[in-house]
Amino acid sequence: MASRIFNVVKTIVISYALTCVILLALSFGVYKFDLSNWQITTGIIITYIAASFIGGFIIATREKNRRILWGMGVGLIYFLILAVASIAVNKGIAIDTMEAVRALLICAVSGAAGAFFT
């Protein structure tokens, strides 16, 4: 049990490291190329997809049973950490419910897809 929790923690750390790299590149794009609002939103969605997909892929290589569920779980944990951080920074919920549901589905499905392709 402890090794499974450790595997999930390591996977989430890797996913957030990837998130940092992608968001750093996105912020450079905003600074250098004056990206529009829809380009920034698209970049953030791509970040969710990439980080959850890689997280699902990594956890599925470590856990041999129920890989798709593990991948989906990592995607959900990734989203929950994002949501909690957003609530803490904004001192309340600052996102539309439909946008939150969309982000939740993107993270869960991307994590499951990453696990599926192992």
Protein backbone atom coordinates (compact mmCIF):
# COMPACT_ATOMS: atom_id res chain seq x y z
CA MET A 1 0.00 0.00 0.00
CA ALA A 2 2.77 2.44 0.90
CA SER A 3 4.56 1.75 -2.37
CA ARG A 4 1.39 2.52 -4.34
CA ILE A 5 0.96 5.84 -2.55
CA PHE A 6 4.63 6.62 -3.18
CA ASN A 7 4.17 5.77 -6.88
CA VAL A 8 1.20 8.14 -7.10
CA VAL A 9 3.10 10.93 -5.33
CA LYS A 10 6.10 10.53 -7.63
CA THR A 11 3.82 10.54 -10.66
CA ILE A 12 2.03 13.70 -9.52
CA VAL A 13 5.37 15.42 -8.89
CA ILE A 14 6.49 14.54 -12.43
CA SER A 15 3.18 15.81 -13.83
CA TYR A 16 3.56 19.11 -12.02
CA ALA A 17 7.18 19.43 -13.12
CA LEU A 18 5.96 19.06 -16.70
CA THR A 19 3.25 21.63 -15.96
CA CYS A 20 5.88 24.09 -14.77
CA VAL A 21 7.94 23.65 -17.93
CA ILE A 22 4.94 24.07 -20.24
CA LEU A 23 3.60 27.09 -18.35
CA LEU A 24 7.06 28.67 -18.40
CA ALA A 25 7.12 28.27 -22.18
CA LEU A 26 3.58 29.66 -22.38
CA SER A 27 4.50 32.68 -20.28
CA PHE A 28 7.50 33.28 -22.54
CA GLY A 29 5.12 33.17 -25.50
CA VAL A 30 2.85 35.71 -23.83
CA TYR A 31 5.82 37.99 -23.12
CA LYS A 32 7.52 37.67 -26.49
CA PHE A 33 4.64 37.19 -28.94
CA ASP A 34 1.74 38.91 -27.16
CA LEU A 35 -0.54 35.87 -27.37
CA SER A 36 -4.28 36.40 -27.38
CA ASN A 37 -6.66 35.21 -24.68
CA TRP A 38 -7.87 32.16 -26.65
CA GLN A 39 -4.25 31.14 -27.36
CA ILE A 40 -3.46 31.30 -23.66
CA THR A 41 -6.59 29.29 -22.81
CA THR A 42 -5.67 26.71 -25.44
CA GLY A 43 -2.16 26.50 -24.01
CA ILE A 44 -3.52 25.88 -20.53
CA ILE A 45 -5.84 23.14 -21.80
CA ILE A 46 -2.91 21.54 -23.65
CA THR A 47 -0.98 21.69 -20.38
CA TYR A 48 -3.76 19.82 -18.57
CA ILE A 49 -3.88 17.20 -21.31
CA ALA A 50 -0.11 16.68 -21.50
CA ALA A 51 0.47 16.53 -17.74
CA SER A 52 -2.44 14.17 -17.08
CA PHE A 53 -1.56 11.98 -20.07
CA ILE A 54 2.06 11.61 -18.96
CA GLY A 55 0.93 11.00 -15.38
CA GLY A 56 -1.46 8.27 -16.52
CA PHE A 57 1.24 6.72 -18.67
CA ILE A 58 3.77 6.68 -15.82
CA ILE A 59 1.40 5.25 -13.21
CA ALA A 60 0.21 2.56 -15.63
CA THR A 61 3.79 1.39 -16.16
CA ARG A 62 4.23 1.06 -12.40
CA GLU A 63 0.85 -0.47 -11.54
CA LYS A 64 0.07 -3.55 -13.60
CA ASN A 65 -3.57 -4.06 -12.58
CA ARG A 66 -6.44 -1.68 -13.34
CA ARG A 67 -4.12 0.64 -15.26
CA ILE A 68 -6.85 2.80 -16.77
CA LEU A 69 -8.42 3.40 -13.35
CA TRP A 70 -5.00 4.32 -11.97
CA GLY A 71 -4.48 6.73 -14.84
CA MET A 72 -7.89 8.28 -14.31
CA GLY A 73 -7.15 8.54 -10.60
CA VAL A 74 -3.91 10.40 -11.25
CA GLY A 75 -5.79 12.77 -13.56
CA LEU A 76 -8.38 13.40 -10.86
CA ILE A 77 -5.72 14.01 -8.21
CA TYR A 78 -3.96 16.40 -10.60
CA PHE A 79 -7.23 18.32 -11.02
CA LEU A 80 -7.99 18.35 -7.28
CA ILE A 81 -4.59 19.82 -6.50
CA LEU A 82 -5.16 22.48 -9.17
CA ALA A 83 -8.60 23.27 -7.75
CA VAL A 84 -7.38 23.51 -4.15
CA ALA A 85 -4.46 25.73 -5.20
CA SER A 86 -6.81 27.95 -7.20
CA ILE A 87 -9.22 28.30 -4.28
CA ALA A 88 -6.36 29.09 -1.90
CA VAL A 89 -4.80 31.72 -4.18
CA ASN A 90 -8.11 33.38 -5.10
CA LYS A 91 -9.51 33.09 -1.55
CA GLY A 92 -12.62 31.47 -2.94
CA ILE A 93 -13.97 29.86 -6.06
CA ALA A 94 -13.17 32.09 -9.03
CA ILE A 95 -14.09 29.72 -11.85
CA ASP A 96 -17.36 28.90 -13.55
CA THR A 97 -18.82 25.50 -12.66
CA MET A 98 -18.91 24.37 -16.29
CA GLU A 99 -15.25 25.31 -16.76
CA ALA A 100 -14.36 23.33 -13.65
CA VAL A 101 -16.29 20.29 -14.89
CA ARG A 102 -14.60 20.61 -18.30
CA ALA A 103 -11.16 20.74 -16.67
CA LEU A 104 -12.04 17.76 -14.46
CA LEU A 105 -13.12 15.70 -17.47
CA ILE A 106 -10.06 16.73 -19.47
CA CYS A 107 -7.72 15.65 -16.67
CA ALA A 108 -9.53 12.37 -15.96
CA VAL A 109 -9.85 11.32 -19.61
CA SER A 110 -6.27 12.34 -20.41
CA GLY A 111 -4.95 10.32 -17.47
CA ALA A 112 -6.98 7.30 -18.58
CA ALA A 113 -5.77 7.74 -22.18
CA GLY A 114 -2.17 7.86 -21.00
CA ALA A 115 -2.70 4.62 -19.10
CA PHE A 116 -4.42 3.06 -22.09
CA PHE A 117 -1.41 3.64 -24.35
CA THR A 118 1.10 1.78 -22.16
